[in-house]
C-alpha atoms as a PDB file:
ATOM      1  CA  MET A   1       0.000   0.000   0.000  1.00  0.00           C
ATOM      2  CA  SER A   2       1.494   3.293  -1.151  1.00  0.00           C
ATOM      3  CA  VAL A   3       5.001   1.933  -0.602  1.00  0.00           C
ATOM      4  CA  ASP A   4       6.555   4.445  -2.998  1.00  0.00           C
ATOM      5  CA  LYS A   5       5.441   7.486  -1.041  1.00  0.00           C
ATOM      6  CA  VAL A   6       8.174   9.476   0.666  1.00  0.00           C
ATOM      7  CA  TYR A   7       7.163  11.814   3.477  1.00  0.00           C
ATOM      8  CA  PRO A   8       9.463  14.696   4.459  1.00  0.00           C
ATOM      9  CA  VAL A   9      10.722  14.641   8.017  1.00  0.00           C
ATOM     10  CA  PRO A  10       9.732  17.896   9.746  1.00  0.00           C
ATOM     11  CA  GLU A  11      12.590  19.967  11.079  1.00  0.00           C
ATOM     12  CA  THR A  12      10.650  20.403  14.302  1.00  0.00           C
ATOM     13  CA  GLN A  13      10.671  16.725  15.258  1.00  0.00           C
ATOM     14  CA  THR A  14      11.485  16.198  18.937  1.00  0.00           C
ATOM     15  CA  PHE A  15      12.662  12.857  20.277  1.00  0.00           C
ATOM     16  CA  LEU A  16      13.460  11.675  23.776  1.00  0.00           C
ATOM     17  CA  PRO A  17      17.264  11.888  23.928  1.00  0.00           C
ATOM     18  CA  GLY A  18      18.942   8.840  22.445  1.00  0.00           C
ATOM     19  CA  THR A  19      15.668   7.212  21.359  1.00  0.00           C
ATOM     20  CA  GLN A  20      13.240   6.948  18.449  1.00  0.00           C
ATOM     21  CA  ILE A  21      10.368   8.055  20.708  1.00  0.00           C
ATOM     22  CA  GLU A  22       8.901  11.149  19.069  1.00  0.00           C
ATOM     23  CA  ILE A  23       7.166  13.620  21.369  1.00  0.00           C
ATOM     24  CA  LEU A  24       4.497  15.572  19.504  1.00  0.00           C
ATOM     25  CA  ASN A  25       2.722  16.934  22.568  1.00  0.00           C
ATOM     26  CA  PRO A  26       5.070  17.547  25.513  1.00  0.00           C
ATOM     27  CA  ASP A  27       2.221  19.051  27.562  1.00  0.00           C
ATOM     28  CA  ILE A  28       0.375  15.828  28.418  1.00  0.00           C
ATOM     29  CA  GLN A  29       0.030  15.071  32.119  1.00  0.00           C
ATOM     30  CA  ARG A  30       2.177  12.039  32.769  1.00  0.00           C
ATOM     31  CA  GLY A  31       2.129   9.590  35.646  1.00  0.00           C
ATOM     32  CA  ASN A  32      -1.672   9.384  36.090  1.00  0.00           C
ATOM     33  CA  ILE A  33      -2.526   6.402  33.865  1.00  0.00           C
ATOM     34  CA  LYS A  34      -5.035   3.962  35.373  1.00  0.00           C
ATOM     35  CA  HIS A  35      -6.615   2.427  32.250  1.00  0.00           C
ATOM     36  CA  ALA A  36      -5.062   1.490  28.890  1.00  0.00           C
ATOM     37  CA  VAL A  37      -6.816   0.596  25.643  1.00  0.00           C
ATOM     38  CA  PHE A  38      -4.757  -1.237  23.034  1.00  0.00           C
ATOM     39  CA  ASP A  39      -5.642  -1.695  19.416  1.00  0.00           C
ATOM     40  CA  PHE A  40      -4.620  -5.228  18.413  1.00  0.00           C
ATOM     41  CA  ASP A  41      -3.795  -5.666  14.725  1.00  0.00           C
ATOM     42  CA  GLY A  42      -0.658  -3.756  13.741  1.00  0.00           C
ATOM     43  CA  THR A  43      -0.161  -2.536  17.295  1.00  0.00           C
ATOM     44  CA  VAL A  44       0.387  -5.836  19.093  1.00  0.00           C
ATOM     45  CA  SER A  45      -0.253  -8.576  16.534  1.00  0.00           C
ATOM     46  CA  ILE A  46       1.028  -8.914  12.972  1.00  0.00           C
ATOM     47  CA  LEU A  47      -0.965 -12.072  12.268  1.00  0.00           C
ATOM     48  CA  ARG A  48      -3.072  -9.997   9.855  1.00  0.00           C
ATOM     49  CA  GLU A  49      -0.117  -8.330   8.169  1.00  0.00           C
ATOM     50  CA  GLY A  50      -0.971  -7.612   4.551  1.00  0.00           C
ATOM     51  CA  TRP A  51      -4.689  -7.043   5.102  1.00  0.00           C
ATOM     52  CA  PRO A  52      -4.720  -3.785   3.054  1.00  0.00           C
ATOM     53  CA  GLU A  53      -3.203  -5.604   0.081  1.00  0.00           C
ATOM     54  CA  ILE A  54      -5.985  -8.196   0.389  1.00  0.00           C
ATOM     55  CA  MET A  55      -8.754  -5.633   0.812  1.00  0.00           C
ATOM     56  CA  LEU A  56      -7.627  -3.572  -2.192  1.00  0.00           C
ATOM     57  CA  PRO A  57      -8.371  -6.165  -4.927  1.00  0.00           C
ATOM     58  CA  VAL A  58     -11.628  -7.091  -3.187  1.00  0.00           C
ATOM     59  CA  MET A  59     -12.706  -3.452  -3.418  1.00  0.00           C
ATOM     60  CA  LEU A  60     -11.463  -3.037  -6.977  1.00  0.00           C
ATOM     61  CA  ASP A  61     -13.219  -6.185  -8.206  1.00  0.00           C
ATOM     62  CA  ALA A  62     -16.442  -5.156  -6.485  1.00  0.00           C
ATOM     63  CA  ILE A  63     -16.439  -1.672  -7.984  1.00  0.00           C
ATOM     64  CA  ARG A  64     -15.130  -2.183 -11.511  1.00  0.00           C
ATOM     65  CA  GLY A  65     -17.433  -4.957 -12.649  1.00  0.00           C
ATOM     66  CA  ASP A  66     -16.289  -5.832 -16.180  1.00  0.00           C
ATOM     67  CA  THR A  67     -14.359  -2.599 -16.746  1.00  0.00           C
ATOM     68  CA  PRO A  68     -10.563  -2.183 -16.456  1.00  0.00           C
ATOM     69  CA  VAL A  69      -9.127  -0.722 -13.257  1.00  0.00           C
ATOM     70  CA  THR A  70      -8.274   2.958 -13.600  1.00  0.00           C
ATOM     71  CA  GLN A  71      -5.676   4.900 -11.642  1.00  0.00           C
ATOM     72  CA  GLU A  72      -8.464   7.061 -10.215  1.00  0.00           C
ATOM     73  CA  LEU A  73     -10.339   4.030  -8.939  1.00  0.00           C
ATOM     74  CA  GLU A  74      -7.266   2.399  -7.448  1.00  0.00           C
ATOM     75  CA  GLN A  75      -6.201   5.603  -5.682  1.00  0.00           C
ATOM     76  CA  ALA A  76      -9.708   6.139  -4.287  1.00  0.00           C
ATOM     77  CA  CYS A  77      -9.620   2.649  -2.766  1.00  0.00           C
ATOM     78  CA  ILE A  78      -6.082   3.075  -1.387  1.00  0.00           C
ATOM     79  CA  ASP A  79      -6.982   6.427   0.180  1.00  0.00           C
ATOM     80  CA  TYR A  80     -10.073   4.991   1.848  1.00  0.00           C
ATOM     81  CA  ILE A  81      -8.230   1.954   3.218  1.00  0.00           C
ATOM     82  CA  ASP A  82      -5.541   4.269   4.631  1.00  0.00           C
ATOM     83  CA  GLU A  83      -7.967   6.611   6.372  1.00  0.00           C
ATOM     84  CA  SER A  84     -10.293   3.889   7.676  1.00  0.00           C
ATOM     85  CA  THR A  85      -7.616   1.748   9.345  1.00  0.00           C
ATOM     86  CA  GLY A  86      -8.957   0.701  12.745  1.00  0.00           C
ATOM     87  CA  ILE A  87     -12.712   0.794  12.180  1.00  0.00           C
ATOM     88  CA  GLN A  88     -14.917  -2.269  11.976  1.00  0.00           C
ATOM     89  CA  THR A  89     -14.599  -4.188   8.736  1.00  0.00           C
ATOM     90  CA  VAL A  90     -18.341  -4.088   8.141  1.00  0.00           C
ATOM     91  CA  LEU A  91     -18.205  -0.280   8.155  1.00  0.00           C
ATOM     92  CA  GLN A  92     -15.459  -0.385   5.544  1.00  0.00           C
ATOM     93  CA  MET A  93     -17.676  -2.666   3.494  1.00  0.00           C
ATOM     94  CA  GLU A  94     -20.651  -0.314   3.900  1.00  0.00           C
ATOM     95  CA  HIS A  95     -18.480   2.377   2.364  1.00  0.00           C
ATOM     96  CA  LEU A  96     -17.534  -0.079  -0.384  1.00  0.00           C
ATOM     97  CA  VAL A  97     -21.234  -0.501  -1.229  1.00  0.00           C
ATOM     98  CA  GLU A  98     -21.487   3.290  -1.581  1.00  0.00           C
ATOM     99  CA  MET A  99     -18.430   3.339  -3.845  1.00  0.00           C
ATOM    100  CA  VAL A 100     -19.858   0.563  -6.035  1.00  0.00           C
ATOM    101  CA  ARG A 101     -23.037   2.604  -6.463  1.00  0.00           C
ATOM    102  CA  ASP A 102     -21.217   5.893  -7.026  1.00  0.00           C
ATOM    103  CA  PHE A 103     -18.857   4.577  -9.714  1.00  0.00           C
ATOM    104  CA  GLY A 104     -21.803   2.931 -11.452  1.00  0.00           C
ATOM    105  CA  PHE A 105     -19.983   0.116 -13.260  1.00  0.00           C
ATOM    106  CA  VAL A 106     -22.053  -2.668 -11.685  1.00  0.00           C
ATOM    107  CA  PRO A 107     -25.795  -3.163 -12.339  1.00  0.00           C
ATOM    108  CA  LYS A 108     -27.855  -2.392  -9.258  1.00  0.00           C
ATOM    109  CA  ASP A 109     -29.226  -5.916  -9.027  1.00  0.00           C
ATOM    110  CA  GLN A 110     -25.672  -7.318  -8.838  1.00  0.00           C
ATOM    111  CA  ILE A 111     -24.464  -5.128  -5.955  1.00  0.00           C
ATOM    112  CA  LEU A 112     -23.950  -7.076  -2.741  1.00  0.00           C
ATOM    113  CA  ASP A 113     -24.651  -5.728   0.720  1.00  0.00           C
ATOM    114  CA  ALA A 114     -21.876  -4.941   3.212  1.00  0.00           C
ATOM    115  CA  ARG A 115     -21.962  -8.396   4.777  1.00  0.00           C
ATOM    116  CA  GLY A 116     -21.648 -10.030   1.379  1.00  0.00           C
ATOM    117  CA  TYR A 117     -18.501  -8.073   0.562  1.00  0.00           C
ATOM    118  CA  LYS A 118     -17.183  -8.645   4.069  1.00  0.00           C
ATOM    119  CA  GLN A 119     -17.510 -12.401   3.599  1.00  0.00           C
ATOM    120  CA  ILE A 120     -15.478 -12.253   0.375  1.00  0.00           C
ATOM    121  CA  TYR A 121     -12.779 -10.202   2.101  1.00  0.00           C
ATOM    122  CA  ASN A 122     -12.681 -12.349   5.248  1.00  0.00           C
ATOM    123  CA  ASP A 123     -12.441 -15.573   3.238  1.00  0.00           C
ATOM    124  CA  ALA A 124      -9.374 -14.178   1.460  1.00  0.00           C
ATOM    125  CA  LEU A 125      -7.805 -12.708   4.611  1.00  0.00           C
ATOM    126  CA  MET A 126      -8.162 -15.805   6.756  1.00  0.00           C
ATOM    127  CA  VAL A 127      -6.051 -17.905   4.363  1.00  0.00           C
ATOM    128  CA  PRO A 128      -2.740 -16.301   5.475  1.00  0.00           C
ATOM    129  CA  VAL A 129      -3.986 -15.712   9.028  1.00  0.00           C
ATOM    130  CA  ASN A 130      -4.869 -19.374   9.531  1.00  0.00           C
ATOM    131  CA  ALA A 131      -1.555 -20.424   7.989  1.00  0.00           C
ATOM    132  CA  ARG A 132       0.305 -18.209  10.479  1.00  0.00           C
ATOM    133  CA  LEU A 133      -1.731 -19.518  13.405  1.00  0.00           C
ATOM    134  CA  ALA A 134      -1.015 -23.102  12.326  1.00  0.00           C
ATOM    135  CA  ALA A 135       2.716 -22.390  12.012  1.00  0.00           C
ATOM    136  CA  LEU A 136       2.726 -20.862  15.493  1.00  0.00           C
ATOM    137  CA  LYS A 137       0.895 -23.871  16.932  1.00  0.00           C
ATOM    138  CA  ARG A 138       3.348 -26.279  15.287  1.00  0.00           C
ATOM    139  CA  GLY A 139       6.293 -24.345  16.673  1.00  0.00           C
ATOM    140  CA  ASP A 140       7.572 -23.363  13.243  1.00  0.00           C
ATOM    141  CA  THR A 141       7.294 -19.719  14.298  1.00  0.00           C
ATOM    142  CA  THR A 142       7.478 -17.965  17.665  1.00  0.00           C
ATOM    143  CA  LEU A 143       5.513 -15.285  19.462  1.00  0.00           C
ATOM    144  CA  GLU A 144       8.191 -12.815  18.402  1.00  0.00           C
ATOM    145  CA  ASP A 145       7.437 -13.659  14.762  1.00  0.00           C
ATOM    146  CA  VAL A 146       3.729 -12.782  15.044  1.00  0.00           C
ATOM    147  CA  THR A 147       3.855  -9.687  17.270  1.00  0.00           C
ATOM    148  CA  VAL A 148       5.269  -6.175  17.007  1.00  0.00           C
ATOM    149  CA  ARG A 149       8.670  -6.059  18.701  1.00  0.00           C
ATOM    150  CA  GLY A 150       8.335  -5.519  22.452  1.00  0.00           C
ATOM    151  CA  SER A 151       4.533  -5.223  22.342  1.00  0.00           C
ATOM    152  CA  ARG A 152       3.812  -8.137  24.668  1.00  0.00           C
ATOM    153  CA  GLU A 153       6.402  -6.892  27.130  1.00  0.00           C
ATOM    154  CA  PHE A 154       4.910  -3.396  26.997  1.00  0.00           C
ATOM    155  CA  VAL A 155       1.374  -4.652  27.672  1.00  0.00           C
ATOM    156  CA  LYS A 156       2.728  -6.609  30.649  1.00  0.00           C
ATOM    157  CA  ALA A 157       4.730  -3.604  31.901  1.00  0.00           C
ATOM    158  CA  VAL A 158       1.566  -1.483  31.843  1.00  0.00           C
ATOM    159  CA  TYR A 159      -0.418  -4.260  33.552  1.00  0.00           C
ATOM    160  CA  ASP A 160       2.290  -4.695  36.227  1.00  0.00           C
ATOM    161  CA  ARG A 161       1.868  -1.033  37.167  1.00  0.00           C
ATOM    162  CA  GLY A 162      -1.701  -1.697  38.244  1.00  0.00           C
ATOM    163  CA  VAL A 163      -3.277  -0.365  35.055  1.00  0.00           C
ATOM    164  CA  ARG A 164      -6.473  -2.023  33.803  1.00  0.00           C
ATOM    165  CA  VAL A 165      -5.808  -3.202  30.244  1.00  0.00           C
ATOM    166  CA  TYR A 166      -8.362  -3.517  27.432  1.00  0.00           C
ATOM    167  CA  ILE A 167      -8.038  -4.780  23.859  1.00  0.00           C
ATOM    168  CA  ALA A 168     -10.374  -3.046  21.375  1.00  0.00           C
ATOM    169  CA  SER A 169     -10.243  -4.154  17.743  1.00  0.00           C
ATOM    170  CA  GLY A 170     -12.158  -3.677  14.515  1.00  0.00           C
ATOM    171  CA  THR A 171     -11.767  -7.422  13.913  1.00  0.00           C
ATOM    172  CA  ASP A 172     -14.711  -9.710  14.705  1.00  0.00           C
ATOM    173  CA  ARG A 173     -14.777 -10.421  18.432  1.00  0.00           C
ATOM    174  CA  ASP A 174     -14.426 -14.210  18.205  1.00  0.00           C
ATOM    175  CA  ASP A 175     -11.421 -13.858  15.905  1.00  0.00           C
ATOM    176  CA  VAL A 176      -9.659 -11.232  18.002  1.00  0.00           C
ATOM    177  CA  ARG A 177     -10.170 -13.324  21.142  1.00  0.00           C
ATOM    178  CA  ASN A 178      -8.721 -16.364  19.384  1.00  0.00           C
ATOM    179  CA  GLU A 179      -5.756 -14.359  18.142  1.00  0.00           C
ATOM    180  CA  THR A 180      -5.051 -12.667  21.484  1.00  0.00           C
ATOM    181  CA  ASP A 181      -4.963 -16.147  23.019  1.00  0.00           C
ATOM    182  CA  ALA A 182      -2.542 -17.290  20.312  1.00  0.00           C
ATOM    183  CA  CYS A 183      -0.315 -14.252  20.936  1.00  0.00           C
ATOM    184  CA  GLU A 184      -0.554 -14.873  24.711  1.00  0.00           C
ATOM    185  CA  ILE A 185      -1.860 -11.392  25.472  1.00  0.00           C
ATOM    186  CA  ALA A 186      -5.274 -12.243  26.902  1.00  0.00           C
ATOM    187  CA  GLN A 187      -4.030 -12.874  30.455  1.00  0.00           C
ATOM    188  CA  TRP A 188      -3.248  -9.175  30.889  1.00  0.00           C
ATOM    189  CA  ALA A 189      -6.465  -7.815  29.358  1.00  0.00           C
ATOM    190  CA  GLU A 190      -8.523  -7.799  32.539  1.00  0.00           C
ATOM    191  CA  GLY A 191     -10.687  -5.002  31.155  1.00  0.00           C
ATOM    192  CA  GLY A 192     -11.848  -7.265  28.356  1.00  0.00           C
ATOM    193  CA  ILE A 193     -11.181  -8.083  24.722  1.00  0.00           C
ATOM    194  CA  TRP A 194     -13.554  -6.216  22.466  1.00  0.00           C
ATOM    195  CA  GLY A 195     -14.262  -6.639  18.778  1.00  0.00           C
ATOM    196  CA  ALA A 196     -16.969  -6.313  16.180  1.00  0.00           C
ATOM    197  CA  ILE A 197     -20.164  -8.223  17.033  1.00  0.00           C
ATOM    198  CA  GLY A 198     -22.258  -7.707  13.926  1.00  0.00           C
ATOM    199  CA  ASN A 199     -24.225  -4.788  15.339  1.00  0.00           C
ATOM    200  CA  VAL A 200     -22.321  -1.614  14.493  1.00  0.00           C
ATOM    201  CA  GLU A 201     -24.468   0.415  16.885  1.00  0.00           C
ATOM    202  CA  ALA A 202     -23.566  -1.816  19.828  1.00  0.00           C
ATOM    203  CA  TYR A 203     -19.785  -1.648  19.476  1.00  0.00           C
ATOM    204  CA  SER A 204     -17.068   0.762  18.438  1.00  0.00           C
ATOM    205  CA  LYS A 205     -13.710   1.747  19.879  1.00  0.00           C
ATOM    206  CA  ASP A 206     -15.144   5.152  20.705  1.00  0.00           C
ATOM    207  CA  LYS A 207     -18.022   3.527  22.601  1.00  0.00           C
ATOM    208  CA  VAL A 208     -15.594   1.363  24.599  1.00  0.00           C
ATOM    209  CA  ILE A 209     -13.473   4.401  25.496  1.00  0.00           C
ATOM    210  CA  LYS A 210     -16.503   6.458  26.523  1.00  0.00           C
ATOM    211  CA  GLU A 211     -17.802   3.629  28.724  1.00  0.00           C
ATOM    212  CA  ILE A 212     -14.415   3.195  30.420  1.00  0.00           C
ATOM    213  CA  ILE A 213     -14.273   6.903  31.210  1.00  0.00           C
ATOM    214  CA  ALA A 214     -17.857   7.063  32.461  1.00  0.00           C
ATOM    215  CA  GLU A 215     -17.772   3.883  34.541  1.00  0.00           C
ATOM    216  CA  ASN A 216     -14.513   4.815  36.241  1.00  0.00           C
ATOM    217  CA  ASP A 217     -15.041   8.584  36.432  1.00  0.00           C
ATOM    218  CA  LEU A 218     -11.719   9.187  34.711  1.00  0.00           C
ATOM    219  CA  GLN A 219      -9.922  12.410  33.987  1.00  0.00           C
ATOM    220  CA  GLY A 220      -8.230  12.574  30.586  1.00  0.00           C
ATOM    221  CA  SER A 221      -4.684  11.760  31.628  1.00  0.00           C
ATOM    222  CA  GLU A 222      -5.852   8.635  33.467  1.00  0.00           C
ATOM    223  CA  LEU A 223      -6.527   6.895  30.128  1.00  0.00           C
ATOM    224  CA  VAL A 224      -3.990   6.010  27.441  1.00  0.00           C
ATOM    225  CA  VAL A 225      -4.890   4.610  24.034  1.00  0.00           C
ATOM    226  CA  VAL A 226      -2.222   2.817  21.987  1.00  0.00           C
ATOM    227  CA  GLY A 227      -2.733   2.109  18.293  1.00  0.00           C
ATOM    228  CA  ASP A 228      -1.428   2.140  14.748  1.00  0.00           C
ATOM    229  CA  GLY A 229      -4.595   3.514  13.131  1.00  0.00           C
ATOM    230  CA  PRO A 230      -5.995   7.042  12.989  1.00  0.00           C
ATOM    231  CA  VAL A 231      -9.394   5.884  14.274  1.00  0.00           C
ATOM    232  CA  GLU A 232      -8.317   4.959  17.801  1.00  0.00           C
ATOM    233  CA  ILE A 233      -5.978   7.960  17.985  1.00  0.00           C
ATOM    234  CA  LYS A 234      -8.829  10.325  17.123  1.00  0.00           C
ATOM    235  CA  ASN A 235     -11.069   8.515  19.623  1.00  0.00           C
ATOM    236  CA  ALA A 236      -8.451   8.969  22.344  1.00  0.00           C
ATOM    237  CA  LYS A 237      -8.061  12.685  21.736  1.00  0.00           C
ATOM    238  CA  SER A 238     -11.772  13.420  21.332  1.00  0.00           C
ATOM    239  CA  ASN A 239     -12.293  11.869  24.762  1.00  0.00           C
ATOM    240  CA  GLY A 240      -9.389  13.705  26.390  1.00  0.00           C
ATOM    241  CA  GLY A 241      -7.041  10.735  26.729  1.00  0.00           C
ATOM    242  CA  ILE A 242      -3.352  10.279  25.939  1.00  0.00           C
ATOM    243  CA  ALA A 243      -2.708   8.846  22.466  1.00  0.00           C
ATOM    244  CA  VAL A 244       0.358   6.768  21.629  1.00  0.00           C
ATOM    245  CA  GLY A 245       0.734   6.183  17.897  1.00  0.00           C
ATOM    246  CA  VAL A 246       2.605   3.100  16.689  1.00  0.00           C
ATOM    247  CA  ALA A 247       3.917   3.546  13.138  1.00  0.00           C
ATOM    248  CA  SER A 248       4.820  -0.114  12.912  1.00  0.00           C
ATOM    249  CA  ASP A 249       6.338  -1.981   9.990  1.00  0.00           C
ATOM    250  CA  GLU A 250       4.134  -5.066  10.030  1.00  0.00           C
ATOM    251  CA  VAL A 251       6.233  -6.935   7.471  1.00  0.00           C
ATOM    252  CA  THR A 252       9.329  -7.042   9.682  1.00  0.00           C
ATOM    253  CA  GLY A 253       7.544  -6.551  13.007  1.00  0.00           C
ATOM    254  CA  HIS A 254       9.879  -3.703  13.939  1.00  0.00           C
ATOM    255  CA  GLY A 255      11.063  -0.316  12.751  1.00  0.00           C
ATOM    256  CA  TRP A 256       9.198   2.561  11.125  1.00  0.00           C
ATOM    257  CA  ASN A 257       6.480   2.350   8.499  1.00  0.00           C
ATOM    258  CA  MET A 258       6.623   5.938   7.309  1.00  0.00           C
ATOM    259  CA  ASP A 259       3.323   5.563   5.454  1.00  0.00           C
ATOM    260  CA  LYS A 260       1.610   5.373   8.854  1.00  0.00           C
ATOM    261  CA  ARG A 261       3.343   8.408  10.335  1.00  0.00           C
ATOM    262  CA  PRO A 262       1.396  11.249   8.644  1.00  0.00           C
ATOM    263  CA  ARG A 263      -1.950   9.560   9.355  1.00  0.00           C
ATOM    264  CA  LEU A 264      -1.126   9.216  13.042  1.00  0.00           C
ATOM    265  CA  VAL A 265       0.264  12.748  13.322  1.00  0.00           C
ATOM    266  CA  LYS A 266      -2.796  14.177  11.598  1.00  0.00           C
ATOM    267  CA  ALA A 267      -5.051  12.172  13.931  1.00  0.00           C
ATOM    268  CA  GLY A 268      -3.390  13.941  16.882  1.00  0.00           C
ATOM    269  CA  CYS A 269      -1.148  11.411  18.615  1.00  0.00           C
ATOM    270  CA  ASP A 270       0.846  12.753  21.554  1.00  0.00           C
ATOM    271  CA  ILE A 271       3.704  10.268  21.239  1.00  0.00           C
ATOM    272  CA  LEU A 272       4.853   8.338  18.181  1.00  0.00           C
ATOM    273  CA  ILE A 273       6.968   5.180  18.184  1.00  0.00           C
ATOM    274  CA  PRO A 274       7.946   2.588  15.550  1.00  0.00           C
ATOM    275  CA  ASP A 275       7.586  -0.369  17.946  1.00  0.00           C
ATOM    276  CA  PHE A 276       8.145  -1.129  21.630  1.00  0.00           C
ATOM    277  CA  ALA A 277      11.833  -1.995  21.451  1.00  0.00           C
ATOM    278  CA  GLU A 278      12.619   0.994  23.699  1.00  0.00           C
ATOM    279  CA  LEU A 279      10.282  -0.398  26.306  1.00  0.00           C
ATOM    280  CA  ASP A 280      11.869   1.104  29.392  1.00  0.00           C
ATOM    281  CA  ALA A 281      12.131   4.604  27.950  1.00  0.00           C
ATOM    282  CA  VAL A 282       8.537   4.857  26.713  1.00  0.00           C
ATOM    283  CA  THR A 283       7.146   3.275  29.899  1.00  0.00           C
ATOM    284  CA  LYS A 284       9.107   5.569  32.194  1.00  0.00           C
ATOM    285  CA  TYR A 285       8.082   8.586  30.132  1.00  0.00           C
ATOM    286  CA  LEU A 286       4.355   7.766  30.254  1.00  0.00           C
ATOM    287  CA  PHE A 287       4.416   6.918  33.947  1.00  0.00           C
ATOM    288  CA  ASN A 288       6.730   9.824  34.785  1.00  0.00           C
ATOM    289  CA  GLU A 289       9.196   7.550  36.535  1.00  0.00           C
END
């Protein structure tokens, strides 16, 4: 996805000395965190690495019908996938239905509903996901191979400080629970593991965050949200929380993916990291230790 893009590095970038931890908002109140919401895919797990490359042809095939793919169509799909990273898949597919109608290449009676397109996408996506899960179960790969570097250790470090941990994903709830078990993260998520349940009104990351704040009477700096997508970052900031953006390279599991950086900056993240390799530094910074 957009691998040829090159984003200029702002001259005003500020990093913690000797680290790759970028501080975009030095004015956050640190040391008050009591609850932490983690996105899962791309933030902790890389079991679903490559999902945009799978979604793109699904969208293109749905929209183009029997016509050739144009550059305009391909770019429209790429842009939407980029900006919608983190929301429920069914919502992405609802937008796909709108795009199919707007482009007008497919007869109305041949347009599927959102769940129909979601099924096509999920069937394609679960081929590599299931292969990775099977390899992990056989012992051909390790937990380090299927998670972002240092992510499990960071979740545990947050948990060990008495913080209540939640996982909130756009992936279907049964799948995200299965995959958190496989990645051995679930034991620290005492706040629950949340995912899409088929009813878009009943679940969203924003709804989870709002409920956590209301139920625990939190002030903004008592909640941190960690994610690699603009959706959860925007949700964190709109609810007054601290937002940690993870511009992770999901292919390698470590280092920067500079395609993610501008999306996360634009969404308003307070801190930006490539992965959790500098575990001690980012933890001590957030907890003001």
